[in-house]
Amino acid sequence: MRSRTDRFALACCVLVSVMALSTFAAGPGWAQKSGGILKIQHMDTPPSASIHEEATVSTAVPFMSVFNNLVMFDQNVAKNSFESIVPDLATSWSWSSDGTKLSFKLRQGVKWHDGKPFTAKDVQCTFELLLGADKLRRNPRSAWYSNVAKVTADGDFDATLQLKNPQPALLALLASGYSPIYPCHVPTADMRRHPIGTGPFKFAEFKMKESIKLVKNPDYWKKGRPYLDGIEFTIIPDRSTRMLSFVAGKFDMTFPTDVTVPLLKNVRKDAPQAQCTMRATGVSTNLIVNREAPPFDDPKIRRAMALTLDRQAFIDILSEGQSTMGGAMLAPPDGVWGLPPEKLKTIIGYGDVEKSREEARELMKQAGYGPDKRLKLKVSTRNIATFRDPAVILLDQLKQIYMDAELEVIDTSVYYNRVFKKDYVVALNLTGSAVDDPDVTFFEGYACGSLRNYNNYCNPEMTKLFEAQSRETDQKKRQQMVWEIDAKLQEDIARPIISNGRAAGCWQPYVKGVTIHSNSIYNGWRFEDVWLDR
């Protein structure tokens, strides 16, 4: 029988071969051309440029290419997995025998965009920001690192993450686009409007509600990259305008999560030359309820709201049947950890819709509401189409259980401030998981005290289960644990999941070297291998 140490080593051994891979691979054997500005659409104004302080793809897409990570998911492999993790600022890594120390050898000769040298001290400073209680304005992913005791700089080019318990999945979290290394010498306030990184592109300009401009980093440590002279993101709030302008050839690329199933048909008809990829986004449409705000502090009302959801109606209307039902984890076959259909259909609200609504109406009557005393409420959502469209369907479904709801649409910068502060009552929300791993989804969205636990679900016993699955090195055992946790979260009405989304990104045929990741919308925007064949 294997020892715990042996099992941990086995769980991590797949990463050893990855360490030898070069990140300099150019992809297919064509002759890349240098030069040109890549023009991309953006759907709204990011709250800021500081990736560590934001929780939206609106920030991740335009600013990931300003930075580097210790490790990253290979930008030319569509599906993020342990096998696709490659070196970045770290050239290699190793685990201690007991799985509680993750050590990195760092790349030498790297410079920050202002010319200062990168060292292990910058790695240490980054984690001091993430582990500190009040060093960032907000820290959406602090729960990712709750198992990290400290990070040490063991010389100029050696750094070690010391863990409280073994956590094999930690390396995948570090590979996310949400895990850049920040410079010690730049104040965090400056990173919000003028970020300094080591990445292939340097920040040039950020005009609220207008544009974001990046320029080539001529001193990038990866010789020959990037090919582009720069990237320009133009902020266009109206999605119809964005689609028409792309079809007309005014842009090289749509925002990479912007094209719905119905819109893709239009793009293919009106711009048949466009290259598009429809894939799972790793984003769930979900219902969040402030369980501390009366009358929603009554569990009967929260349960009734979950029971009225007709998930298939959402899926049929919004994605013509292509989105999928699921729990907290991304549903198979796109996701590794999600509940299989036979388990999902046994959970509250995933079966007969009308039967569920009958139960919901009875619960509402027990709470003092009915056809002659309807509950009036406001449903908040973010002011972009991917949030507004399902919110309209939700209003109609709430009517079935004596709720009359009014829609409140909120600009992105204000929306996230509101949900972080729990300054809302009911909201239709979209939640993206940066990495398809339970350590991201459970700790970030459901652990007590996590900033992204928007509705303050807190069950200490569940948190213990989150921690237990994180330590488990046997994949099959961990899978069973994850399924049991996910089912319990749905039964607890922790955050009712409506569907797992699908979306496409499109680009003109002369744009080369684009790979849009298939199970996360946050990790594929380095753009260092993209070039223009014109």
Protein backbone atom coordinates (compact mmCIF):
# COMPACT_ATOMS: atom_id res chain seq x y z
CA MET A 1 0.00 0.00 0.00
CA ARG A 2 1.36 3.38 -1.01
CA SER A 3 2.40 5.83 1.68
CA ARG A 4 0.88 9.30 1.73
CA THR A 5 4.20 10.75 0.55
CA ASP A 6 4.30 8.31 -2.39
CA ARG A 7 0.75 9.22 -3.36
CA PHE A 8 1.57 12.91 -3.26
CA ALA A 9 4.63 12.36 -5.42
CA LEU A 10 2.52 10.35 -7.88
CA ALA A 11 -0.07 13.13 -8.05
CA CYS A 12 2.62 15.65 -8.91
CA CYS A 13 4.87 13.52 -11.13
CA VAL A 14 2.97 14.44 -14.29
CA LEU A 15 4.37 17.92 -13.79
CA VAL A 16 7.99 16.81 -13.87
CA SER A 17 8.02 16.19 -17.61
CA VAL A 18 6.41 19.58 -18.16
CA MET A 19 9.38 21.31 -16.55
CA ALA A 20 11.53 20.38 -19.52
CA LEU A 21 9.18 21.96 -22.03
CA SER A 22 10.19 25.23 -23.65
CA THR A 23 7.80 28.15 -23.73
CA PHE A 24 9.51 29.37 -26.86
CA ALA A 25 7.63 27.04 -29.20
CA ALA A 26 6.28 28.98 -32.15
CA GLY A 27 3.42 26.64 -33.01
CA PRO A 28 2.85 25.52 -36.61
CA GLY A 29 5.78 25.88 -38.98
CA TRP A 30 4.81 29.07 -40.73
CA ALA A 31 6.88 32.20 -41.17
CA GLN A 32 5.62 34.61 -38.56
CA LYS A 33 5.57 38.29 -39.44
CA SER A 34 6.41 41.01 -36.96
CA GLY A 35 4.56 44.29 -36.67
CA GLY A 36 1.04 45.65 -36.68
CA ILE A 37 -1.54 46.59 -34.07
CA LEU A 38 -4.13 43.98 -33.07
CA LYS A 39 -7.51 45.68 -32.73
CA ILE A 40 -9.89 43.93 -30.32
CA GLN A 41 -13.37 44.85 -29.14
CA HIS A 42 -14.10 45.21 -25.44
CA MET A 43 -17.57 44.94 -23.96
CA ASP A 44 -17.24 47.38 -21.06
CA THR A 45 -14.84 49.41 -18.94
CA PRO A 46 -12.75 47.30 -16.54
CA PRO A 47 -12.99 48.46 -12.90
CA SER A 48 -9.20 48.80 -12.90
CA ALA A 49 -6.02 47.35 -14.41
CA SER A 50 -5.01 45.57 -11.19
CA ILE A 51 -5.64 41.88 -11.85
CA HIS A 52 -5.15 40.92 -8.20
CA GLU A 53 -7.89 43.32 -7.11
CA GLU A 54 -10.56 42.46 -9.68
CA ALA A 55 -12.86 39.54 -10.38
CA THR A 56 -13.91 40.03 -13.99
CA VAL A 57 -12.74 38.90 -17.40
CA SER A 58 -13.02 42.56 -18.37
CA THR A 59 -9.72 43.07 -16.53
CA ALA A 60 -8.09 39.70 -17.26
CA VAL A 61 -8.30 39.87 -21.06
CA PRO A 62 -6.67 43.27 -21.68
CA PHE A 63 -4.08 43.16 -18.90
CA MET A 64 -2.85 39.54 -18.70
CA SER A 65 -0.28 40.28 -21.43
CA VAL A 66 1.30 43.01 -19.28
CA PHE A 67 2.43 40.39 -16.75
CA ASN A 68 4.06 37.02 -16.25
CA ASN A 69 3.32 34.28 -13.72
CA LEU A 70 5.63 31.81 -12.07
CA VAL A 71 4.04 29.20 -14.33
CA MET A 72 1.22 29.38 -16.86
CA PHE A 73 -1.08 27.24 -18.94
CA ASP A 74 0.44 26.71 -22.38
CA GLN A 75 -1.12 29.42 -24.53
CA ASN A 76 -1.23 27.13 -27.58
CA VAL A 77 -3.09 24.24 -25.87
CA ALA A 78 -6.84 24.77 -25.82
CA LYS A 79 -7.73 22.83 -22.67
CA ASN A 80 -6.14 23.86 -19.38
CA SER A 81 -4.84 20.89 -17.43
CA PHE A 82 -1.87 19.90 -15.27
CA GLU A 83 -0.25 18.52 -18.41
CA SER A 84 -0.37 21.95 -20.10
CA ILE A 85 1.40 23.88 -17.30
CA VAL A 86 4.71 25.31 -18.52
CA PRO A 87 7.47 27.50 -17.03
CA ASP A 88 7.13 31.26 -17.10
CA LEU A 89 9.11 33.39 -14.64
CA ALA A 90 10.03 30.11 -12.98
CA THR A 91 12.28 27.83 -15.00
CA SER A 92 11.57 24.78 -12.84
CA TRP A 93 9.84 23.72 -9.64
CA SER A 94 9.90 20.87 -7.13
CA TRP A 95 7.85 19.61 -4.20
CA SER A 96 9.21 18.52 -0.85
CA SER A 97 8.69 14.88 0.03
CA ASP A 98 5.79 15.69 2.37
CA GLY A 99 4.09 17.98 -0.15
CA THR A 100 4.22 21.10 2.03
CA LYS A 101 6.92 23.07 0.19
CA LEU A 102 6.81 24.14 -3.44
CA SER A 103 10.17 25.56 -4.54
CA PHE A 104 10.88 27.52 -7.72
CA LYS A 105 14.05 28.28 -9.63
CA LEU A 106 13.53 31.71 -11.19
CA ARG A 107 14.51 33.10 -14.56
CA GLN A 108 17.50 35.44 -14.54
CA GLY A 109 17.93 38.61 -16.61
CA VAL A 110 14.24 39.56 -16.57
CA LYS A 111 13.41 43.27 -16.29
CA TRP A 112 10.29 45.08 -15.22
CA HIS A 113 8.88 47.49 -17.79
CA ASP A 114 10.53 50.39 -15.96
CA GLY A 115 13.94 48.71 -16.27
CA LYS A 116 14.35 47.42 -12.72
CA PRO A 117 15.46 43.77 -12.33
CA PHE A 118 13.04 41.00 -11.39
CA THR A 119 14.12 38.88 -8.39
CA ALA A 120 12.69 36.43 -5.89
CA LYS A 121 11.86 39.38 -3.66
CA ASP A 122 9.10 40.32 -6.12
CA VAL A 123 7.58 36.86 -5.73
CA GLN A 124 7.68 37.23 -1.97
CA CYS A 125 6.14 40.71 -2.14
CA THR A 126 3.32 39.51 -4.39
CA PHE A 127 2.31 36.84 -1.91
CA GLU A 128 2.61 39.24 0.99
CA LEU A 129 -0.05 41.29 -0.80
CA LEU A 130 -2.24 38.23 -1.32
CA LEU A 131 -1.78 36.87 2.21
CA GLY A 132 -2.10 40.24 3.96
CA ALA A 133 -5.39 41.28 5.51
CA ASP A 134 -5.50 44.82 4.14
CA LYS A 135 -2.68 45.32 1.64
CA LEU A 136 -4.96 45.32 -1.40
CA ARG A 137 -8.06 47.47 -1.84
CA ARG A 138 -9.89 44.18 -2.26
CA ASN A 139 -8.61 40.64 -2.56
CA PRO A 140 -11.15 38.50 -4.48
CA ARG A 141 -9.01 35.36 -4.51
CA SER A 142 -7.51 35.46 -1.03
CA ALA A 143 -9.26 32.14 -0.38
CA TRP A 144 -7.06 30.51 -3.03
CA TYR A 145 -4.07 30.93 -0.75
CA SER A 146 -5.55 30.12 2.64
CA ASN A 147 -3.29 27.06 2.78
CA VAL A 148 -0.11 29.08 2.15
CA ALA A 149 1.70 29.81 5.42
CA LYS A 150 4.39 32.05 3.93
CA VAL A 151 6.58 32.62 0.89
CA THR A 152 10.32 33.04 1.22
CA ALA A 153 13.01 34.44 -1.08
CA ASP A 154 15.87 31.98 -0.72
CA GLY A 155 18.34 34.00 -2.75
CA ASP A 156 17.87 36.28 -5.74
CA PHE A 157 16.45 33.55 -7.96
CA ASP A 158 14.93 30.99 -5.61
CA ALA A 159 11.52 31.21 -3.95
CA THR A 160 9.54 28.76 -1.83
CA LEU A 161 5.85 28.54 -0.98
CA GLN A 162 5.47 26.92 2.42
CA LEU A 163 2.07 25.27 2.91
CA LYS A 164 0.11 24.31 5.99
CA ASN A 165 -1.02 21.05 4.36
CA PRO A 166 -0.31 19.24 1.08
CA GLN A 167 -2.19 20.81 -1.87
CA PRO A 168 -1.32 19.24 -5.24
CA ALA A 169 -3.68 21.57 -7.13
CA LEU A 170 -1.86 24.73 -6.02
CA LEU A 171 0.34 24.71 -9.13
CA ALA A 172 -2.77 24.98 -11.35
CA LEU A 173 -3.93 28.04 -9.39
CA LEU A 174 -0.54 29.65 -9.95
CA ALA A 175 -0.88 29.03 -13.71
CA SER A 176 -4.06 31.09 -13.98
CA GLY A 177 -4.13 34.48 -15.66
CA TYR A 178 -5.33 35.71 -12.26
CA SER A 179 -1.93 34.90 -10.70
CA PRO A 180 0.59 37.45 -12.04
CA ILE A 181 3.72 38.49 -10.19
CA TYR A 182 3.70 42.16 -9.14
CA PRO A 183 6.79 44.36 -8.61
CA CYS A 184 7.86 45.19 -5.07
CA HIS A 185 8.78 48.75 -5.96
CA VAL A 186 5.43 49.89 -7.46
CA PRO A 187 2.61 50.94 -5.08
CA THR A 188 -0.59 48.92 -5.49
CA ALA A 189 -2.55 52.13 -6.16
CA ASP A 190 -0.40 52.75 -9.24
CA MET A 191 -1.11 49.23 -10.53
CA ARG A 192 -4.79 50.12 -10.90
CA ARG A 193 -4.22 52.76 -13.57
CA HIS A 194 -0.62 52.31 -14.76
CA PRO A 195 0.43 48.68 -14.25
CA ILE A 196 4.10 47.65 -14.48
CA GLY A 197 4.84 44.06 -15.42
CA THR A 198 7.46 41.88 -17.08
CA GLY A 199 5.17 40.68 -19.88
CA PRO A 200 5.33 40.93 -23.67
CA PHE A 201 3.32 44.14 -23.77
CA LYS A 202 3.68 47.38 -21.83
CA PHE A 203 0.82 49.50 -20.62
CA ALA A 204 0.35 52.68 -22.69
CA GLU A 205 -3.11 54.14 -22.04
CA PHE A 206 -6.42 53.46 -20.26
CA LYS A 207 -9.31 55.78 -21.10
CA MET A 208 -12.46 54.95 -19.17
CA LYS A 209 -15.36 54.00 -21.49
CA GLU A 210 -13.11 54.48 -24.53
CA SER A 211 -10.05 52.29 -24.93
CA ILE A 212 -7.03 50.44 -23.55
CA LYS A 213 -3.73 50.52 -25.43
CA LEU A 214 -0.68 48.31 -24.99
CA VAL A 215 2.65 48.51 -26.82
CA LYS A 216 5.36 45.95 -27.52
CA ASN A 217 7.93 45.37 -24.80
CA PRO A 218 11.21 45.55 -26.78
CA ASP A 219 13.12 44.10 -23.82
CA TYR A 220 10.89 41.07 -23.29
CA TRP A 221 12.91 38.19 -21.89
CA LYS A 222 11.46 35.75 -24.41
CA LYS A 223 13.55 36.57 -27.49
CA GLY A 224 11.57 37.09 -30.68
CA ARG A 225 8.31 37.77 -28.84
CA PRO A 226 5.91 39.39 -29.13
CA TYR A 227 5.31 39.67 -32.86
CA LEU A 228 2.78 42.49 -32.58
CA ASP A 229 3.73 46.14 -32.17
CA GLY A 230 0.76 46.61 -29.87
CA ILE A 231 -2.83 45.83 -28.95
CA GLU A 232 -5.76 48.24 -28.86
CA PHE A 233 -8.99 47.39 -27.06
CA THR A 234 -11.92 49.63 -28.01
CA ILE A 235 -14.76 49.74 -25.49
CA ILE A 236 -18.16 49.44 -27.21
CA PRO A 237 -21.02 48.83 -24.73
CA ASP A 238 -23.64 47.77 -27.29
CA ARG A 239 -23.23 44.20 -28.46
CA SER A 240 -25.08 44.69 -31.74
CA THR A 241 -22.72 47.51 -32.62
CA ARG A 242 -19.75 45.30 -31.74
CA MET A 243 -20.96 42.48 -34.00
CA LEU A 244 -21.72 44.79 -36.94
CA SER A 245 -18.34 46.49 -36.70
CA PHE A 246 -16.51 43.15 -36.61
CA VAL A 247 -18.44 41.85 -39.62
CA ALA A 248 -17.61 45.09 -41.44
CA GLY A 249 -13.90 44.40 -40.87
CA LYS A 250 -13.26 47.33 -38.54
CA PHE A 251 -11.79 45.01 -35.87
CA ASP A 252 -9.40 42.09 -35.99
CA MET A 253 -11.05 40.19 -33.14
CA THR A 254 -14.25 40.18 -31.10
CA PHE A 255 -14.11 40.20 -27.35
CA PRO A 256 -13.31 36.50 -26.85
CA THR A 257 -16.42 35.64 -24.81
CA ASP A 258 -18.87 37.83 -26.72
CA VAL A 259 -20.45 35.71 -29.45
CA THR A 260 -23.51 33.73 -28.38
CA VAL A 261 -24.85 30.68 -30.18
CA PRO A 262 -27.48 32.73 -32.09
CA LEU A 263 -24.98 35.50 -32.90
CA LEU A 264 -22.47 32.99 -34.22
CA LYS A 265 -24.95 32.02 -36.94
CA ASN A 266 -25.14 35.66 -38.00
CA VAL A 267 -21.36 36.05 -38.03
CA ARG A 268 -20.92 32.93 -40.13
CA LYS A 269 -23.54 34.17 -42.58
CA ASP A 270 -22.33 37.76 -42.83
CA ALA A 271 -18.57 37.13 -42.48
CA PRO A 272 -17.98 33.54 -43.62
CA GLN A 273 -14.23 34.13 -43.70
CA ALA A 274 -14.11 34.73 -39.92
CA GLN A 275 -12.42 32.15 -37.71
CA CYS A 276 -14.58 31.32 -34.69
CA THR A 277 -14.55 28.82 -31.86
CA MET A 278 -17.57 27.89 -29.77
CA ARG A 279 -16.59 26.30 -26.46
CA ALA A 280 -17.45 25.98 -22.77
CA THR A 281 -16.53 29.11 -20.86
CA GLY A 282 -16.23 27.76 -17.33
CA VAL A 283 -18.81 30.40 -16.37
CA SER A 284 -22.06 29.59 -14.59
CA THR A 285 -25.22 31.67 -14.64
CA ASN A 286 -26.45 31.66 -11.06
CA LEU A 287 -28.81 33.21 -8.54
CA ILE A 288 -27.30 35.00 -5.55
CA VAL A 289 -29.43 36.03 -2.59
CA ASN A 290 -28.40 38.16 0.35
CA ARG A 291 -29.43 35.78 3.11
CA GLU A 292 -29.08 38.50 5.72
CA ALA A 293 -31.66 40.82 4.11
CA PRO A 294 -35.31 40.28 5.17
CA PRO A 295 -37.40 38.51 3.99
CA PHE A 296 -34.66 36.52 2.25
CA ASP A 297 -33.19 35.56 5.58
CA ASP A 298 -36.05 33.03 5.62
CA PRO A 299 -34.70 29.74 4.17
CA LYS A 300 -38.21 28.89 2.91
CA ILE A 301 -38.11 31.83 0.50
CA ARG A 302 -34.60 31.02 -0.70
CA ARG A 303 -35.59 27.41 -1.28
CA ALA A 304 -38.70 28.50 -3.18
CA MET A 305 -36.58 30.65 -5.48
CA ALA A 306 -34.33 27.70 -6.28
CA LEU A 307 -37.33 25.48 -6.94
CA THR A 308 -38.92 27.82 -9.47
CA LEU A 309 -35.92 27.76 -11.81
CA ASP A 310 -36.64 26.17 -15.17
CA ARG A 311 -33.05 25.59 -16.19
CA GLN A 312 -33.86 24.06 -19.55
CA ALA A 313 -35.84 27.16 -20.51
CA PHE A 314 -32.79 29.34 -19.87
CA ILE A 315 -30.63 26.97 -21.91
CA ASP A 316 -33.06 26.74 -24.83
CA ILE A 317 -33.69 30.49 -25.05
CA LEU A 318 -30.16 31.78 -24.55
CA SER A 319 -28.02 29.14 -26.24
CA GLU A 320 -30.46 27.17 -28.38
CA GLY A 321 -29.89 24.16 -26.15
CA GLN A 322 -26.08 24.17 -26.21
CA SER A 323 -25.37 25.28 -22.63
CA THR A 324 -25.44 22.58 -19.96
CA MET A 325 -26.95 22.02 -16.55
CA GLY A 326 -24.55 21.53 -13.71
CA GLY A 327 -23.69 22.18 -10.12
CA ALA A 328 -20.86 24.24 -8.71
CA MET A 329 -18.23 22.46 -10.81
CA LEU A 330 -18.15 22.66 -14.62
CA ALA A 331 -20.32 19.87 -15.98
CA PRO A 332 -18.83 17.00 -18.01
CA PRO A 333 -17.70 16.45 -20.71
CA ASP A 334 -16.20 19.96 -20.69
CA GLY A 335 -15.29 19.81 -17.01
CA VAL A 336 -13.33 17.16 -15.11
CA TRP A 337 -15.03 17.46 -11.71
CA GLY A 338 -18.69 18.22 -12.39
CA LEU A 339 -21.61 16.07 -11.33
CA PRO A 340 -22.60 13.49 -13.97
CA PRO A 341 -26.20 13.69 -15.27
CA GLU A 342 -27.40 10.67 -13.29
CA LYS A 343 -26.32 12.31 -10.03
CA LEU A 344 -27.49 15.78 -11.00
CA LYS A 345 -31.10 14.74 -11.67
CA THR A 346 -31.50 13.52 -8.07
CA ILE A 347 -30.83 17.01 -6.65
CA ILE A 348 -33.48 19.55 -5.64
CA GLY A 349 -34.80 21.59 -8.54
CA TYR A 350 -33.21 19.55 -11.33
CA GLY A 351 -36.22 17.32 -11.99
CA ASP A 352 -39.88 18.02 -12.78
CA VAL A 353 -40.20 21.82 -12.95
CA GLU A 354 -43.93 22.04 -12.31
CA LYS A 355 -43.71 19.68 -9.35
CA SER A 356 -40.89 21.80 -7.96
CA ARG A 357 -42.93 24.97 -8.41
CA GLU A 358 -45.86 23.45 -6.55
CA GLU A 359 -43.54 22.89 -3.60
CA ALA A 360 -42.18 26.42 -4.03
CA ARG A 361 -45.65 28.00 -3.92
CA GLU A 362 -46.44 26.07 -0.75
CA LEU A 363 -43.23 27.33 0.86
CA MET A 364 -44.13 30.90 -0.12
CA LYS A 365 -47.54 30.51 1.52
CA GLN A 366 -45.87 29.26 4.69
CA ALA A 367 -43.72 32.39 4.60
CA GLY A 368 -46.83 34.60 4.38
CA TYR A 369 -47.12 35.18 0.63
CA GLY A 370 -49.58 34.04 -2.02
CA PRO A 371 -51.68 35.12 -5.00
CA ASP A 372 -53.24 37.96 -2.97
CA LYS A 373 -50.00 39.00 -1.27
CA ARG A 374 -47.16 38.95 -3.74
CA LEU A 375 -43.57 39.66 -2.77
CA LYS A 376 -42.14 42.70 -4.53
CA LEU A 377 -38.37 42.75 -4.99
CA LYS A 378 -35.54 44.17 -7.04
CA VAL A 379 -33.23 41.88 -9.00
CA SER A 380 -29.83 43.45 -9.67
CA THR A 381 -27.49 42.50 -12.48
CA ARG A 382 -24.45 43.77 -14.34
CA ASN A 383 -25.15 46.03 -17.32
CA ILE A 384 -23.86 43.77 -20.07
CA ALA A 385 -25.93 41.51 -22.31
CA THR A 386 -24.67 38.21 -20.89
CA PHE A 387 -26.08 39.23 -17.49
CA ARG A 388 -29.17 41.17 -18.63
CA ASP A 389 -30.59 38.50 -20.93
CA PRO A 390 -30.90 35.71 -18.33
CA ALA A 391 -32.06 38.25 -15.73
CA VAL A 392 -35.14 38.99 -17.86
CA ILE A 393 -35.99 35.27 -17.95
CA LEU A 394 -35.52 35.05 -14.18
CA LEU A 395 -38.08 37.83 -13.59
CA ASP A 396 -40.67 35.85 -15.51
CA GLN A 397 -39.95 32.63 -13.62
CA LEU A 398 -40.21 34.36 -10.23
CA LYS A 399 -43.77 35.38 -11.13
CA GLN A 400 -44.70 31.70 -10.93
CA ILE A 401 -44.17 31.76 -7.13
CA TYR A 402 -45.85 35.04 -6.20
CA MET A 403 -42.82 37.28 -6.73
CA ASP A 404 -43.00 40.49 -8.76
CA ALA A 405 -39.48 41.60 -9.55
CA GLU A 406 -38.06 44.77 -11.05
CA LEU A 407 -34.73 44.65 -12.88
CA GLU A 408 -31.90 46.92 -11.76
CA VAL A 409 -28.94 47.09 -14.18
CA ILE A 410 -25.62 48.32 -12.77
CA ASP A 411 -22.38 49.35 -14.51
CA THR A 412 -19.48 46.93 -14.00
CA SER A 413 -17.39 49.16 -11.73
CA VAL A 414 -20.34 49.68 -9.40
CA TYR A 415 -21.77 46.16 -9.67
CA TYR A 416 -18.74 44.40 -8.24
CA ASN A 417 -18.39 46.93 -5.45
CA ARG A 418 -22.01 46.25 -4.55
CA VAL A 419 -21.80 42.46 -4.49
CA PHE A 420 -18.45 42.48 -2.66
CA LYS A 421 -20.02 44.62 0.05
CA LYS A 422 -23.26 42.56 0.04
CA ASP A 423 -25.08 45.75 -0.93
CA TYR A 424 -27.83 43.98 -2.87
CA VAL A 425 -30.84 41.79 -2.10
CA VAL A 426 -31.25 39.42 -5.07
CA ALA A 427 -29.04 39.31 -8.17
CA LEU A 428 -28.68 37.36 -11.38
CA ASN A 429 -24.95 36.74 -11.54
CA LEU A 430 -22.38 35.03 -13.72
CA THR A 431 -19.47 33.38 -11.93
CA GLY A 432 -16.40 32.25 -13.80
CA SER A 433 -13.98 29.69 -12.42
CA ALA A 434 -10.45 30.63 -13.45
CA VAL A 435 -9.30 27.02 -13.22
CA ASP A 436 -11.41 23.87 -13.47
CA ASP A 437 -10.42 22.65 -10.04
CA PRO A 438 -12.37 22.35 -6.76
CA ASP A 439 -9.73 24.34 -4.88
CA VAL A 440 -10.75 27.36 -6.93
CA THR A 441 -14.51 26.89 -7.01
CA PHE A 442 -15.12 25.77 -3.43
CA PHE A 443 -12.78 28.08 -1.54
CA GLU A 444 -13.47 31.15 -3.66
CA GLY A 445 -17.24 30.88 -3.94
CA TYR A 446 -18.40 29.00 -0.84
CA ALA A 447 -15.84 29.20 1.98
CA CYS A 448 -16.73 31.28 5.03
CA GLY A 449 -15.36 34.80 4.69
CA SER A 450 -14.29 34.63 1.04
CA LEU A 451 -14.84 37.97 -0.73
CA ARG A 452 -16.38 36.19 -3.73
CA ASN A 453 -18.81 34.30 -1.50
CA TYR A 454 -21.32 36.95 -2.51
CA ASN A 455 -24.29 35.67 -0.54
CA ASN A 456 -22.42 34.83 2.67
CA TYR A 457 -23.10 31.11 2.62
CA CYS A 458 -21.10 29.81 5.57
CA ASN A 459 -21.05 26.24 6.78
CA PRO A 460 -17.90 25.40 8.80
CA GLU A 461 -18.48 21.69 8.28
CA MET A 462 -18.47 22.21 4.52
CA THR A 463 -15.25 24.20 4.77
CA LYS A 464 -13.66 21.20 6.48
CA LEU A 465 -14.78 19.06 3.54
CA PHE A 466 -13.28 21.60 1.12
CA GLU A 467 -9.96 21.27 2.95
CA ALA A 468 -10.12 17.47 3.03
CA GLN A 469 -10.64 17.14 -0.73
CA SER A 470 -7.80 19.60 -1.32
CA ARG A 471 -5.36 17.37 0.60
CA GLU A 472 -6.48 14.17 -1.11
CA THR A 473 -3.87 12.85 -3.55
CA ASP A 474 -5.87 9.90 -4.85
CA GLN A 475 -7.75 11.21 -7.91
CA LYS A 476 -10.66 8.76 -7.69
CA LYS A 477 -11.21 9.41 -4.00
CA ARG A 478 -11.04 13.15 -4.57
CA GLN A 479 -13.61 12.87 -7.38
CA GLN A 480 -16.11 11.14 -5.09
CA MET A 481 -15.52 13.73 -2.37
CA VAL A 482 -16.06 16.57 -4.84
CA TRP A 483 -19.33 15.09 -6.09
CA GLU A 484 -20.62 14.74 -2.54
CA ILE A 485 -19.65 18.32 -1.71
CA ASP A 486 -21.21 19.70 -4.88
CA ALA A 487 -24.49 17.87 -4.28
CA LYS A 488 -24.62 19.17 -0.70
CA LEU A 489 -24.03 22.75 -1.87
CA GLN A 490 -27.02 22.47 -4.19
CA GLU A 491 -29.18 20.96 -1.44
CA ASP A 492 -28.14 23.80 0.88
CA ILE A 493 -29.26 26.37 -1.75
CA ALA A 494 -25.77 27.83 -1.36
CA ARG A 495 -25.89 29.51 -4.77
CA PRO A 496 -28.41 28.01 -7.20
CA ILE A 497 -26.66 27.24 -10.48
CA ILE A 498 -28.79 27.79 -13.58
CA SER A 499 -26.46 26.67 -16.37
CA ASN A 500 -22.86 26.39 -17.54
CA GLY A 501 -22.32 28.72 -20.47
CA ARG A 502 -20.91 28.43 -23.96
CA ALA A 503 -19.62 31.29 -26.07
CA ALA A 504 -17.50 31.95 -29.11
CA GLY A 505 -14.74 34.34 -29.99
CA CYS A 506 -14.07 35.28 -33.62
CA TRP A 507 -11.11 36.74 -35.45
CA GLN A 508 -10.26 37.71 -39.00
CA PRO A 509 -8.40 35.08 -41.09
CA TYR A 510 -5.19 37.13 -41.23
CA VAL A 511 -4.86 36.93 -37.42
CA LYS A 512 -2.59 33.96 -36.70
CA GLY A 513 -1.47 32.17 -33.56
CA VAL A 514 -4.77 32.51 -31.69
CA THR A 515 -5.80 29.69 -29.35
CA ILE A 516 -8.91 30.33 -27.25
CA HIS A 517 -8.97 28.09 -24.19
CA SER A 518 -11.92 25.74 -23.92
CA ASN A 519 -12.51 25.46 -20.17
CA SER A 520 -11.64 28.90 -18.83
CA ILE A 521 -12.01 32.46 -20.12
CA TYR A 522 -9.27 33.87 -17.86
CA ASN A 523 -6.01 32.17 -18.76
CA GLY A 524 -5.31 32.55 -22.48
CA TRP A 525 -4.59 36.21 -23.14
CA ARG A 526 -0.79 36.54 -23.22
CA PHE A 527 -1.00 37.28 -26.99
CA GLU A 528 2.76 36.84 -27.34
CA ASP A 529 2.41 34.28 -30.14
CA VAL A 530 -0.23 36.19 -32.14
CA TRP A 531 0.79 37.77 -35.46
CA LEU A 532 -0.85 39.44 -38.44
CA ASP A 533 -0.47 37.91 -41.90
CA ARG A 534 -1.09 40.99 -44.00
